[in-house]
Amino acid sequence: MLATKLKVRPLPKQAILVVNAMSRRGADAFEEVRTKLIDAGVELLEAHAIDQPEQMERTVQDAIAKAPMVILGGGDGSLSTNVDLFMGKDTVFAFVPLGTANSFAGTLGIPKDIDGAIAVIASGTRKRIDLGCIDGDFFVNAAAIGLSPMIAKTVPHNLKRYLGMVGYLLWAIRCAFEFRPFRMVIEHEDGHRDKVWATEARIANGTHHGGVEILENHEIDSGEIVIQAVTGTSVWGLAWSWFATVLRLRSRHGTTCEFRGRRMRLITRPELDISIDGEIAARTPVTVSVARGAIEVAAPEDGQFTT
């Protein structure tokens, strides 16, 4: 029996560009992104560089009403903050990664450089993906509990802007001195409860966090949300887990445990902040869930960037 090949749905050629000029590279990259999109054959109906936070949501909302595709330029936080606006719409969600970690780009296999990201927008395909949800707040990639929110809450903006991931690493070392492990309880839909001591927890819709692949057997259209815990009570254990994950050592699998489902209740003792794609946006206890096939995104065709 012959396999049926799924029809590739091309991306629209008309779009509106909205760049968060407050993101790490947004202000400097706006003109370059605009020019290269036009050169790649994308007809830009409008192009906006937003330097006032209160203007971003309204600008994106207006763009969705006017164009078949809206291209956001910014970091993971910018994408998650505005993704709710695309739900229930036919507008394609496209983006150029201009942040620090750009984890969502890693999840979708989109190059993190401007030229590569524009190549996806110009010649990629539509892909319907899930969104994660924490107490009604939808997000594209991953949320975190533990050291990551401490960093997100306190890192100086200029340190992040000028040093990028190096700045995050330096600030992480500083925050580690205030680190405390926590008790985590996961309540499943069938009533089962799991309890673990953790040094960090990730609520993952995507596969990357902090710019690093943390889930190797997960798809962003699987219909499941994943809670991954770095187990133990030692900050050195957390450091080793990150080290082993970055270097893809075999021992990395022994530093975490994972819980999967469509809907779970997450409780921590003590109650803790949650950073959602790099922005503090919730606090435990929370209900985490998945919105299956919530939006269409611009994604690479299979093998488009395989080396």
C-alpha atoms as a PDB file:
ATOM      1  CA  MET A   1       0.000   0.000   0.000  1.00  0.00           C
ATOM      2  CA  LEU A   2       1.379   3.384  -0.997  1.00  0.00           C
ATOM      3  CA  ALA A   3       1.868   5.919   1.789  1.00  0.00           C
ATOM      4  CA  THR A   4      -0.201   9.062   1.410  1.00  0.00           C
ATOM      5  CA  LYS A   5       1.942  12.168   1.497  1.00  0.00           C
ATOM      6  CA  LEU A   6       0.466  15.044   3.455  1.00  0.00           C
ATOM      7  CA  LYS A   7      -0.161  18.126   1.362  1.00  0.00           C
ATOM      8  CA  VAL A   8       2.269  20.919   2.155  1.00  0.00           C
ATOM      9  CA  ARG A   9       0.407  24.149   2.803  1.00  0.00           C
ATOM     10  CA  PRO A  10       2.478  27.137   1.663  1.00  0.00           C
ATOM     11  CA  LEU A  11       2.766  30.248   3.778  1.00  0.00           C
ATOM     12  CA  PRO A  12       1.067  33.506   2.767  1.00  0.00           C
ATOM     13  CA  LYS A  13       3.196  35.984   0.842  1.00  0.00           C
ATOM     14  CA  GLN A  14       1.562  39.023   2.467  1.00  0.00           C
ATOM     15  CA  ALA A  15       2.307  39.878   6.079  1.00  0.00           C
ATOM     16  CA  ILE A  16       2.610  42.584   8.721  1.00  0.00           C
ATOM     17  CA  LEU A  17       5.853  42.856  10.704  1.00  0.00           C
ATOM     18  CA  VAL A  18       5.760  43.850  14.390  1.00  0.00           C
ATOM     19  CA  VAL A  19       9.115  44.035  16.177  1.00  0.00           C
ATOM     20  CA  ASN A  20       9.508  44.445  19.913  1.00  0.00           C
ATOM     21  CA  ALA A  21      12.189  47.152  19.959  1.00  0.00           C
ATOM     22  CA  MET A  22      12.634  46.491  23.688  1.00  0.00           C
ATOM     23  CA  SER A  23      13.885  42.936  23.104  1.00  0.00           C
ATOM     24  CA  ARG A  24      17.617  42.256  23.184  1.00  0.00           C
ATOM     25  CA  ARG A  25      18.221  42.849  19.447  1.00  0.00           C
ATOM     26  CA  GLY A  26      14.887  44.333  18.399  1.00  0.00           C
ATOM     27  CA  ALA A  27      15.742  48.001  17.960  1.00  0.00           C
ATOM     28  CA  ASP A  28      18.999  47.334  16.121  1.00  0.00           C
ATOM     29  CA  ALA A  29      17.553  44.613  13.886  1.00  0.00           C
ATOM     30  CA  PHE A  30      14.277  46.217  12.751  1.00  0.00           C
ATOM     31  CA  GLU A  31      15.504  47.745   9.480  1.00  0.00           C
ATOM     32  CA  GLU A  32      17.573  44.675   8.619  1.00  0.00           C
ATOM     33  CA  VAL A  33      14.614  42.342   9.167  1.00  0.00           C
ATOM     34  CA  ARG A  34      12.238  44.554   7.182  1.00  0.00           C
ATOM     35  CA  THR A  35      14.610  44.856   4.233  1.00  0.00           C
ATOM     36  CA  LYS A  36      15.500  41.159   4.123  1.00  0.00           C
ATOM     37  CA  LEU A  37      11.853  40.077   4.287  1.00  0.00           C
ATOM     38  CA  ILE A  38      11.061  42.241   1.264  1.00  0.00           C
ATOM     39  CA  ASP A  39      14.124  40.931  -0.578  1.00  0.00           C
ATOM     40  CA  ALA A  40      12.958  37.372   0.160  1.00  0.00           C
ATOM     41  CA  GLY A  41       9.644  38.012  -1.569  1.00  0.00           C
ATOM     42  CA  VAL A  42       7.404  38.747   1.414  1.00  0.00           C
ATOM     43  CA  GLU A  43       5.028  41.638   0.751  1.00  0.00           C
ATOM     44  CA  LEU A  44       4.921  43.699   3.924  1.00  0.00           C
ATOM     45  CA  LEU A  45       1.599  45.492   4.237  1.00  0.00           C
ATOM     46  CA  GLU A  46       2.925  47.323   7.302  1.00  0.00           C
ATOM     47  CA  ALA A  47       6.008  47.295   9.531  1.00  0.00           C
ATOM     48  CA  HIS A  48       6.123  48.497  13.146  1.00  0.00           C
ATOM     49  CA  ALA A  49       8.948  48.860  15.688  1.00  0.00           C
ATOM     50  CA  ILE A  50       7.305  49.022  19.138  1.00  0.00           C
ATOM     51  CA  ASP A  51       9.216  50.755  21.924  1.00  0.00           C
ATOM     52  CA  GLN A  52       6.310  51.196  24.368  1.00  0.00           C
ATOM     53  CA  PRO A  53       5.047  48.012  26.099  1.00  0.00           C
ATOM     54  CA  GLU A  54       1.430  49.173  26.184  1.00  0.00           C
ATOM     55  CA  GLN A  55       1.372  49.506  22.374  1.00  0.00           C
ATOM     56  CA  MET A  56       2.421  45.934  21.567  1.00  0.00           C
ATOM     57  CA  GLU A  57      -0.838  44.068  22.147  1.00  0.00           C
ATOM     58  CA  ARG A  58      -3.024  46.563  20.278  1.00  0.00           C
ATOM     59  CA  THR A  59      -0.622  46.667  17.325  1.00  0.00           C
ATOM     60  CA  VAL A  60      -0.536  42.872  17.031  1.00  0.00           C
ATOM     61  CA  GLN A  61      -4.320  42.668  17.402  1.00  0.00           C
ATOM     62  CA  ASP A  62      -4.828  45.181  14.581  1.00  0.00           C
ATOM     63  CA  ALA A  63      -2.299  43.337  12.406  1.00  0.00           C
ATOM     64  CA  ILE A  64      -4.115  40.009  12.848  1.00  0.00           C
ATOM     65  CA  ALA A  65      -7.316  41.641  11.595  1.00  0.00           C
ATOM     66  CA  LYS A  66      -5.579  42.926   8.442  1.00  0.00           C
ATOM     67  CA  ALA A  67      -3.074  40.310   7.283  1.00  0.00           C
ATOM     68  CA  PRO A  68      -2.978  36.546   6.546  1.00  0.00           C
ATOM     69  CA  MET A  69       0.355  36.311   8.399  1.00  0.00           C
ATOM     70  CA  VAL A  70       1.807  38.389  11.239  1.00  0.00           C
ATOM     71  CA  ILE A  71       5.560  38.269  11.843  1.00  0.00           C
ATOM     72  CA  LEU A  72       6.723  39.048  15.371  1.00  0.00           C
ATOM     73  CA  GLY A  73      10.307  40.018  16.068  1.00  0.00           C
ATOM     74  CA  GLY A  74      11.402  39.529  19.668  1.00  0.00           C
ATOM     75  CA  GLY A  75      12.322  37.064  22.365  1.00  0.00           C
ATOM     76  CA  ASP A  76      10.352  34.145  23.797  1.00  0.00           C
ATOM     77  CA  GLY A  77       8.571  36.448  26.243  1.00  0.00           C
ATOM     78  CA  SER A  78       7.274  38.640  23.421  1.00  0.00           C
ATOM     79  CA  LEU A  79       5.935  35.592  21.597  1.00  0.00           C
ATOM     80  CA  SER A  80       4.136  34.126  24.618  1.00  0.00           C
ATOM     81  CA  THR A  81       2.664  37.465  25.662  1.00  0.00           C
ATOM     82  CA  ASN A  82       0.953  37.890  22.293  1.00  0.00           C
ATOM     83  CA  VAL A  83       0.183  34.311  21.239  1.00  0.00           C
ATOM     84  CA  ASP A  84      -3.283  34.362  22.856  1.00  0.00           C
ATOM     85  CA  LEU A  85      -4.332  36.889  20.193  1.00  0.00           C
ATOM     86  CA  PHE A  86      -3.877  34.292  17.415  1.00  0.00           C
ATOM     87  CA  MET A  87      -6.167  31.674  18.945  1.00  0.00           C
ATOM     88  CA  GLY A  88      -9.315  31.104  16.909  1.00  0.00           C
ATOM     89  CA  LYS A  89      -7.912  33.119  14.010  1.00  0.00           C
ATOM     90  CA  ASP A  90      -6.810  32.040  10.518  1.00  0.00           C
ATOM     91  CA  THR A  91      -3.761  34.306  10.688  1.00  0.00           C
ATOM     92  CA  VAL A  92      -0.404  32.504  10.605  1.00  0.00           C
ATOM     93  CA  PHE A  93       1.937  33.209  13.524  1.00  0.00           C
ATOM     94  CA  ALA A  94       5.505  33.761  12.247  1.00  0.00           C
ATOM     95  CA  PHE A  95       8.517  35.139  14.062  1.00  0.00           C
ATOM     96  CA  VAL A  96      12.127  36.225  13.861  1.00  0.00           C
ATOM     97  CA  PRO A  97      14.029  35.310  17.077  1.00  0.00           C
ATOM     98  CA  LEU A  98      15.613  38.465  18.528  1.00  0.00           C
ATOM     99  CA  GLY A  99      15.837  37.535  22.202  1.00  0.00           C
ATOM    100  CA  THR A 100      18.493  35.976  24.417  1.00  0.00           C
ATOM    101  CA  ALA A 101      17.781  32.221  24.559  1.00  0.00           C
ATOM    102  CA  ASN A 102      15.276  31.942  21.669  1.00  0.00           C
ATOM    103  CA  SER A 103      14.114  28.559  22.927  1.00  0.00           C
ATOM    104  CA  PHE A 104      10.928  28.445  20.833  1.00  0.00           C
ATOM    105  CA  ALA A 105      13.012  28.707  17.675  1.00  0.00           C
ATOM    106  CA  GLY A 106      14.958  25.673  18.893  1.00  0.00           C
ATOM    107  CA  THR A 107      11.724  23.774  19.496  1.00  0.00           C
ATOM    108  CA  LEU A 108      10.482  24.391  15.938  1.00  0.00           C
ATOM    109  CA  GLY A 109      13.885  23.879  14.299  1.00  0.00           C
ATOM    110  CA  ILE A 110      14.031  27.485  13.126  1.00  0.00           C
ATOM    111  CA  PRO A 111      17.539  28.962  12.771  1.00  0.00           C
ATOM    112  CA  LYS A 112      18.310  31.601  15.385  1.00  0.00           C
ATOM    113  CA  ASP A 113      19.998  33.932  12.933  1.00  0.00           C
ATOM    114  CA  ILE A 114      17.975  36.502  10.987  1.00  0.00           C
ATOM    115  CA  ASP A 115      18.743  35.101   7.519  1.00  0.00           C
ATOM    116  CA  GLY A 116      17.750  31.572   8.497  1.00  0.00           C
ATOM    117  CA  ALA A 117      14.530  32.657  10.192  1.00  0.00           C
ATOM    118  CA  ILE A 118      13.533  34.736   7.159  1.00  0.00           C
ATOM    119  CA  ALA A 119      14.206  31.748   4.888  1.00  0.00           C
ATOM    120  CA  VAL A 120      11.590  29.823   6.882  1.00  0.00           C
ATOM    121  CA  ILE A 121       9.051  32.651   6.542  1.00  0.00           C
ATOM    122  CA  ALA A 122       9.710  32.937   2.804  1.00  0.00           C
ATOM    123  CA  SER A 123       9.779  29.239   1.887  1.00  0.00           C
ATOM    124  CA  GLY A 124       8.611  27.176   4.862  1.00  0.00           C
ATOM    125  CA  THR A 125       5.218  25.667   5.567  1.00  0.00           C
ATOM    126  CA  ARG A 126       2.248  26.003   7.883  1.00  0.00           C
ATOM    127  CA  LYS A 127       2.307  23.813  10.985  1.00  0.00           C
ATOM    128  CA  ARG A 128      -0.505  23.510  13.524  1.00  0.00           C
ATOM    129  CA  ILE A 129       0.873  23.293  17.062  1.00  0.00           C
ATOM    130  CA  ASP A 130      -0.268  23.005  20.660  1.00  0.00           C
ATOM    131  CA  LEU A 131       0.011  25.741  23.255  1.00  0.00           C
ATOM    132  CA  GLY A 132       0.709  25.269  26.934  1.00  0.00           C
ATOM    133  CA  CYS A 133      -1.670  26.805  29.455  1.00  0.00           C
ATOM    134  CA  ILE A 134      -1.197  27.800  33.098  1.00  0.00           C
ATOM    135  CA  ASP A 135      -4.423  28.886  34.816  1.00  0.00           C
ATOM    136  CA  GLY A 136      -5.806  30.234  31.534  1.00  0.00           C
ATOM    137  CA  ASP A 137      -2.573  31.937  30.428  1.00  0.00           C
ATOM    138  CA  PHE A 138      -1.381  30.427  27.137  1.00  0.00           C
ATOM    139  CA  PHE A 139       2.301  30.171  26.238  1.00  0.00           C
ATOM    140  CA  VAL A 140       4.359  28.889  23.331  1.00  0.00           C
ATOM    141  CA  ASN A 141       7.281  27.022  24.820  1.00  0.00           C
ATOM    142  CA  ALA A 142       8.130  26.502  28.493  1.00  0.00           C
ATOM    143  CA  ALA A 143       7.615  27.769  32.022  1.00  0.00           C
ATOM    144  CA  ALA A 144       9.977  27.228  34.952  1.00  0.00           C
ATOM    145  CA  ILE A 145      10.002  27.080  38.747  1.00  0.00           C
ATOM    146  CA  GLY A 146      13.125  27.469  40.868  1.00  0.00           C
ATOM    147  CA  LEU A 147      16.313  29.234  39.844  1.00  0.00           C
ATOM    148  CA  SER A 148      15.029  30.444  36.452  1.00  0.00           C
ATOM    149  CA  PRO A 149      12.323  32.729  37.929  1.00  0.00           C
ATOM    150  CA  MET A 150      14.859  34.117  40.411  1.00  0.00           C
ATOM    151  CA  ILE A 151      17.072  35.077  37.486  1.00  0.00           C
ATOM    152  CA  ALA A 152      14.204  36.459  35.390  1.00  0.00           C
ATOM    153  CA  LYS A 153      12.925  38.550  38.305  1.00  0.00           C
ATOM    154  CA  THR A 154      16.228  40.152  39.248  1.00  0.00           C
ATOM    155  CA  VAL A 155      18.601  40.144  36.241  1.00  0.00           C
ATOM    156  CA  PRO A 156      19.575  43.709  35.244  1.00  0.00           C
ATOM    157  CA  HIS A 157      18.223  44.584  31.799  1.00  0.00           C
ATOM    158  CA  ASN A 158      21.568  45.876  30.505  1.00  0.00           C
ATOM    159  CA  LEU A 159      23.352  42.694  31.602  1.00  0.00           C
ATOM    160  CA  LYS A 160      20.887  40.633  29.547  1.00  0.00           C
ATOM    161  CA  ARG A 161      20.929  43.069  26.623  1.00  0.00           C
ATOM    162  CA  TYR A 162      24.699  43.326  26.171  1.00  0.00           C
ATOM    163  CA  LEU A 163      25.997  39.952  27.402  1.00  0.00           C
ATOM    164  CA  GLY A 164      23.117  37.677  26.406  1.00  0.00           C
ATOM    165  CA  MET A 165      23.491  34.075  27.661  1.00  0.00           C
ATOM    166  CA  VAL A 166      26.813  34.903  29.323  1.00  0.00           C
ATOM    167  CA  GLY A 167      25.018  37.541  31.375  1.00  0.00           C
ATOM    168  CA  TYR A 168      22.366  35.020  32.380  1.00  0.00           C
ATOM    169  CA  LEU A 169      25.048  32.547  33.447  1.00  0.00           C
ATOM    170  CA  LEU A 170      26.854  35.125  35.598  1.00  0.00           C
ATOM    171  CA  TRP A 171      23.597  36.172  37.245  1.00  0.00           C
ATOM    172  CA  ALA A 172      22.623  32.521  37.790  1.00  0.00           C
ATOM    173  CA  ILE A 173      25.797  31.990  39.827  1.00  0.00           C
ATOM    174  CA  ARG A 174      24.874  34.988  41.968  1.00  0.00           C
ATOM    175  CA  CYS A 175      21.285  33.774  42.467  1.00  0.00           C
ATOM    176  CA  ALA A 176      22.477  30.274  43.397  1.00  0.00           C
ATOM    177  CA  PHE A 177      23.564  31.566  46.804  1.00  0.00           C
ATOM    178  CA  GLU A 178      19.886  32.296  47.600  1.00  0.00           C
ATOM    179  CA  PHE A 179      18.678  28.981  46.174  1.00  0.00           C
ATOM    180  CA  ARG A 180      16.420  26.605  48.146  1.00  0.00           C
ATOM    181  CA  PRO A 181      15.026  23.203  47.070  1.00  0.00           C
ATOM    182  CA  PHE A 182      11.267  22.658  47.223  1.00  0.00           C
ATOM    183  CA  ARG A 183       8.699  19.905  47.566  1.00  0.00           C
ATOM    184  CA  MET A 184       6.558  19.343  44.471  1.00  0.00           C
ATOM    185  CA  VAL A 185       3.225  17.526  44.201  1.00  0.00           C
ATOM    186  CA  ILE A 186       1.614  16.656  40.832  1.00  0.00           C
ATOM    187  CA  GLU A 187      -2.064  15.725  40.863  1.00  0.00           C
ATOM    188  CA  HIS A 188      -3.206  13.847  37.732  1.00  0.00           C
ATOM    189  CA  GLU A 189      -6.672  13.736  36.182  1.00  0.00           C
ATOM    190  CA  ASP A 190      -7.232  10.185  37.470  1.00  0.00           C
ATOM    191  CA  GLY A 191      -6.550  11.296  41.047  1.00  0.00           C
ATOM    192  CA  HIS A 192      -3.031   9.850  41.253  1.00  0.00           C
ATOM    193  CA  ARG A 193      -0.474  12.047  43.072  1.00  0.00           C
ATOM    194  CA  ASP A 194       3.297  12.131  42.549  1.00  0.00           C
ATOM    195  CA  LYS A 195       5.621  13.771  45.086  1.00  0.00           C
ATOM    196  CA  VAL A 196       9.274  14.693  44.565  1.00  0.00           C
ATOM    197  CA  TRP A 197      11.959  16.957  45.989  1.00  0.00           C
ATOM    198  CA  ALA A 198      13.127  19.277  43.222  1.00  0.00           C
ATOM    199  CA  THR A 199      15.673  21.981  42.555  1.00  0.00           C
ATOM    200  CA  GLU A 200      13.942  23.123  39.357  1.00  0.00           C
ATOM    201  CA  ALA A 201      10.778  22.280  37.428  1.00  0.00           C
ATOM    202  CA  ARG A 202       9.907  22.964  33.786  1.00  0.00           C
ATOM    203  CA  ILE A 203       6.378  23.011  32.403  1.00  0.00           C
ATOM    204  CA  ALA A 204       7.076  22.212  28.785  1.00  0.00           C
ATOM    205  CA  ASN A 205       5.002  22.590  25.656  1.00  0.00           C
ATOM    206  CA  GLY A 206       8.194  22.736  23.578  1.00  0.00           C
ATOM    207  CA  THR A 207      11.477  20.858  23.739  1.00  0.00           C
ATOM    208  CA  HIS A 208      13.899  23.674  24.655  1.00  0.00           C
ATOM    209  CA  HIS A 209      14.431  25.790  27.756  1.00  0.00           C
ATOM    210  CA  GLY A 210      17.172  28.349  28.321  1.00  0.00           C
ATOM    211  CA  GLY A 211      18.274  27.771  24.739  1.00  0.00           C
ATOM    212  CA  VAL A 212      19.020  24.101  25.478  1.00  0.00           C
ATOM    213  CA  GLU A 213      17.117  20.968  24.448  1.00  0.00           C
ATOM    214  CA  ILE A 214      15.638  19.464  27.619  1.00  0.00           C
ATOM    215  CA  LEU A 215      13.114  17.017  26.086  1.00  0.00           C
ATOM    216  CA  GLU A 216      14.209  14.620  23.378  1.00  0.00           C
ATOM    217  CA  ASN A 217      11.025  12.571  22.962  1.00  0.00           C
ATOM    218  CA  HIS A 218       8.347  15.232  22.777  1.00  0.00           C
ATOM    219  CA  GLU A 219       6.499  16.862  19.878  1.00  0.00           C
ATOM    220  CA  ILE A 220       4.811  20.251  20.001  1.00  0.00           C
ATOM    221  CA  ASP A 221       1.684  18.775  18.410  1.00  0.00           C
ATOM    222  CA  SER A 222       1.446  15.718  20.703  1.00  0.00           C
ATOM    223  CA  GLY A 223      -1.579  16.875  22.702  1.00  0.00           C
ATOM    224  CA  GLU A 224       0.359  16.509  25.969  1.00  0.00           C
ATOM    225  CA  ILE A 225       1.988  18.914  28.409  1.00  0.00           C
ATOM    226  CA  VAL A 226       5.125  17.774  30.261  1.00  0.00           C
ATOM    227  CA  ILE A 227       6.247  18.632  33.796  1.00  0.00           C
ATOM    228  CA  GLN A 228       9.951  17.865  34.120  1.00  0.00           C
ATOM    229  CA  ALA A 229      11.575  18.022  37.560  1.00  0.00           C
ATOM    230  CA  VAL A 230      15.293  18.225  38.294  1.00  0.00           C
ATOM    231  CA  THR A 231      15.243  15.961  41.327  1.00  0.00           C
ATOM    232  CA  GLY A 232      17.211  16.255  44.560  1.00  0.00           C
ATOM    233  CA  THR A 233      17.954  18.963  47.114  1.00  0.00           C
ATOM    234  CA  SER A 234      21.422  20.218  46.117  1.00  0.00           C
ATOM    235  CA  VAL A 235      22.254  23.255  44.006  1.00  0.00           C
ATOM    236  CA  TRP A 236      25.296  21.300  42.818  1.00  0.00           C
ATOM    237  CA  GLY A 237      22.934  18.616  41.559  1.00  0.00           C
ATOM    238  CA  LEU A 238      21.077  21.266  39.575  1.00  0.00           C
ATOM    239  CA  ALA A 239      24.360  22.588  38.179  1.00  0.00           C
ATOM    240  CA  TRP A 240      25.397  19.065  37.172  1.00  0.00           C
ATOM    241  CA  SER A 241      22.019  18.450  35.506  1.00  0.00           C
ATOM    242  CA  TRP A 242      22.432  21.576  33.363  1.00  0.00           C
ATOM    243  CA  PHE A 243      26.060  20.707  32.594  1.00  0.00           C
ATOM    244  CA  ALA A 244      25.147  17.163  31.543  1.00  0.00           C
ATOM    245  CA  THR A 245      22.197  18.406  29.477  1.00  0.00           C
ATOM    246  CA  VAL A 246      24.212  21.048  27.622  1.00  0.00           C
ATOM    247  CA  LEU A 247      26.942  18.506  26.806  1.00  0.00           C
ATOM    248  CA  ARG A 248      24.355  15.757  26.142  1.00  0.00           C
ATOM    249  CA  LEU A 249      26.034  13.345  28.543  1.00  0.00           C
ATOM    250  CA  ARG A 250      24.262  10.039  29.086  1.00  0.00           C
ATOM    251  CA  SER A 251      24.025  10.764  32.814  1.00  0.00           C
ATOM    252  CA  ARG A 252      21.633  13.675  32.155  1.00  0.00           C
ATOM    253  CA  HIS A 253      18.676  11.274  32.093  1.00  0.00           C
ATOM    254  CA  GLY A 254      19.289  10.323  35.704  1.00  0.00           C
ATOM    255  CA  THR A 255      18.955  13.894  36.968  1.00  0.00           C
ATOM    256  CA  THR A 256      15.302  14.456  35.987  1.00  0.00           C
ATOM    257  CA  CYS A 257      11.897  12.811  36.043  1.00  0.00           C
ATOM    258  CA  GLU A 258       8.920  13.606  33.803  1.00  0.00           C
ATOM    259  CA  PHE A 259       5.147  13.630  34.177  1.00  0.00           C
ATOM    260  CA  ARG A 260       2.884  13.843  31.111  1.00  0.00           C
ATOM    261  CA  GLY A 261      -0.795  14.488  30.580  1.00  0.00           C
ATOM    262  CA  ARG A 262      -3.457  16.754  29.156  1.00  0.00           C
ATOM    263  CA  ARG A 263      -4.174  18.433  32.494  1.00  0.00           C
ATOM    264  CA  MET A 264      -2.342  18.359  35.850  1.00  0.00           C
ATOM    265  CA  ARG A 265      -2.395  20.280  39.097  1.00  0.00           C
ATOM    266  CA  LEU A 266       1.021  21.472  40.298  1.00  0.00           C
ATOM    267  CA  ILE A 267       1.606  22.333  43.955  1.00  0.00           C
ATOM    268  CA  THR A 268       4.870  23.376  45.592  1.00  0.00           C
ATOM    269  CA  ARG A 269       5.883  23.861  49.194  1.00  0.00           C
ATOM    270  CA  PRO A 270       6.658  26.680  49.648  1.00  0.00           C
ATOM    271  CA  GLU A 271       4.585  28.546  47.034  1.00  0.00           C
ATOM    272  CA  LEU A 272       6.884  29.784  44.251  1.00  0.00           C
ATOM    273  CA  ASP A 273       6.932  32.174  41.297  1.00  0.00           C
ATOM    274  CA  ILE A 274       6.690  30.766  37.781  1.00  0.00           C
ATOM    275  CA  SER A 275       8.482  32.324  34.818  1.00  0.00           C
ATOM    276  CA  ILE A 276       6.639  31.747  31.537  1.00  0.00           C
ATOM    277  CA  ASP A 277       9.032  31.968  28.591  1.00  0.00           C
ATOM    278  CA  GLY A 278      11.298  34.198  30.663  1.00  0.00           C
ATOM    279  CA  GLU A 279       8.657  36.483  32.229  1.00  0.00           C
ATOM    280  CA  ILE A 280       7.275  36.137  35.792  1.00  0.00           C
ATOM    281  CA  ALA A 281       3.577  35.495  35.180  1.00  0.00           C
ATOM    282  CA  ALA A 282       2.180  33.026  37.755  1.00  0.00           C
ATOM    283  CA  ARG A 283       2.650  31.523  41.203  1.00  0.00           C
ATOM    284  CA  THR A 284       1.992  28.018  42.508  1.00  0.00           C
ATOM    285  CA  PRO A 285      -0.359  26.233  42.992  1.00  0.00           C
ATOM    286  CA  VAL A 286      -1.508  26.168  39.357  1.00  0.00           C
ATOM    287  CA  THR A 287      -3.371  23.986  36.891  1.00  0.00           C
ATOM    288  CA  VAL A 288      -1.346  23.204  33.764  1.00  0.00           C
ATOM    289  CA  SER A 289      -2.926  21.946  30.563  1.00  0.00           C
ATOM    290  CA  VAL A 290      -2.508  21.792  26.802  1.00  0.00           C
ATOM    291  CA  ALA A 291      -4.558  23.490  24.069  1.00  0.00           C
ATOM    292  CA  ARG A 292      -4.248  21.049  21.200  1.00  0.00           C
ATOM    293  CA  GLY A 293      -3.748  22.438  17.677  1.00  0.00           C
ATOM    294  CA  ALA A 294      -4.363  25.962  18.943  1.00  0.00           C
ATOM    295  CA  ILE A 295      -2.562  28.014  16.273  1.00  0.00           C
ATOM    296  CA  GLU A 296      -0.789  27.770  12.921  1.00  0.00           C
ATOM    297  CA  VAL A 297       2.865  28.792  12.769  1.00  0.00           C
ATOM    298  CA  ALA A 298       5.468  29.320  10.063  1.00  0.00           C
ATOM    299  CA  ALA A 299       7.800  26.317  10.337  1.00  0.00           C
ATOM    300  CA  PRO A 300      10.568  24.731   8.279  1.00  0.00           C
ATOM    301  CA  GLU A 301       9.663  21.996   5.817  1.00  0.00           C
ATOM    302  CA  ASP A 302      11.007  18.579   6.827  1.00  0.00           C
ATOM    303  CA  GLY A 303      14.745  18.543   6.270  1.00  0.00           C
ATOM    304  CA  GLN A 304      14.890  22.207   5.244  1.00  0.00           C
ATOM    305  CA  PHE A 305      17.788  22.937   7.578  1.00  0.00           C
ATOM    306  CA  THR A 306      19.228  19.453   8.071  1.00  0.00           C
ATOM    307  CA  THR A 307      23.027  19.457   7.881  1.00  0.00           C
END
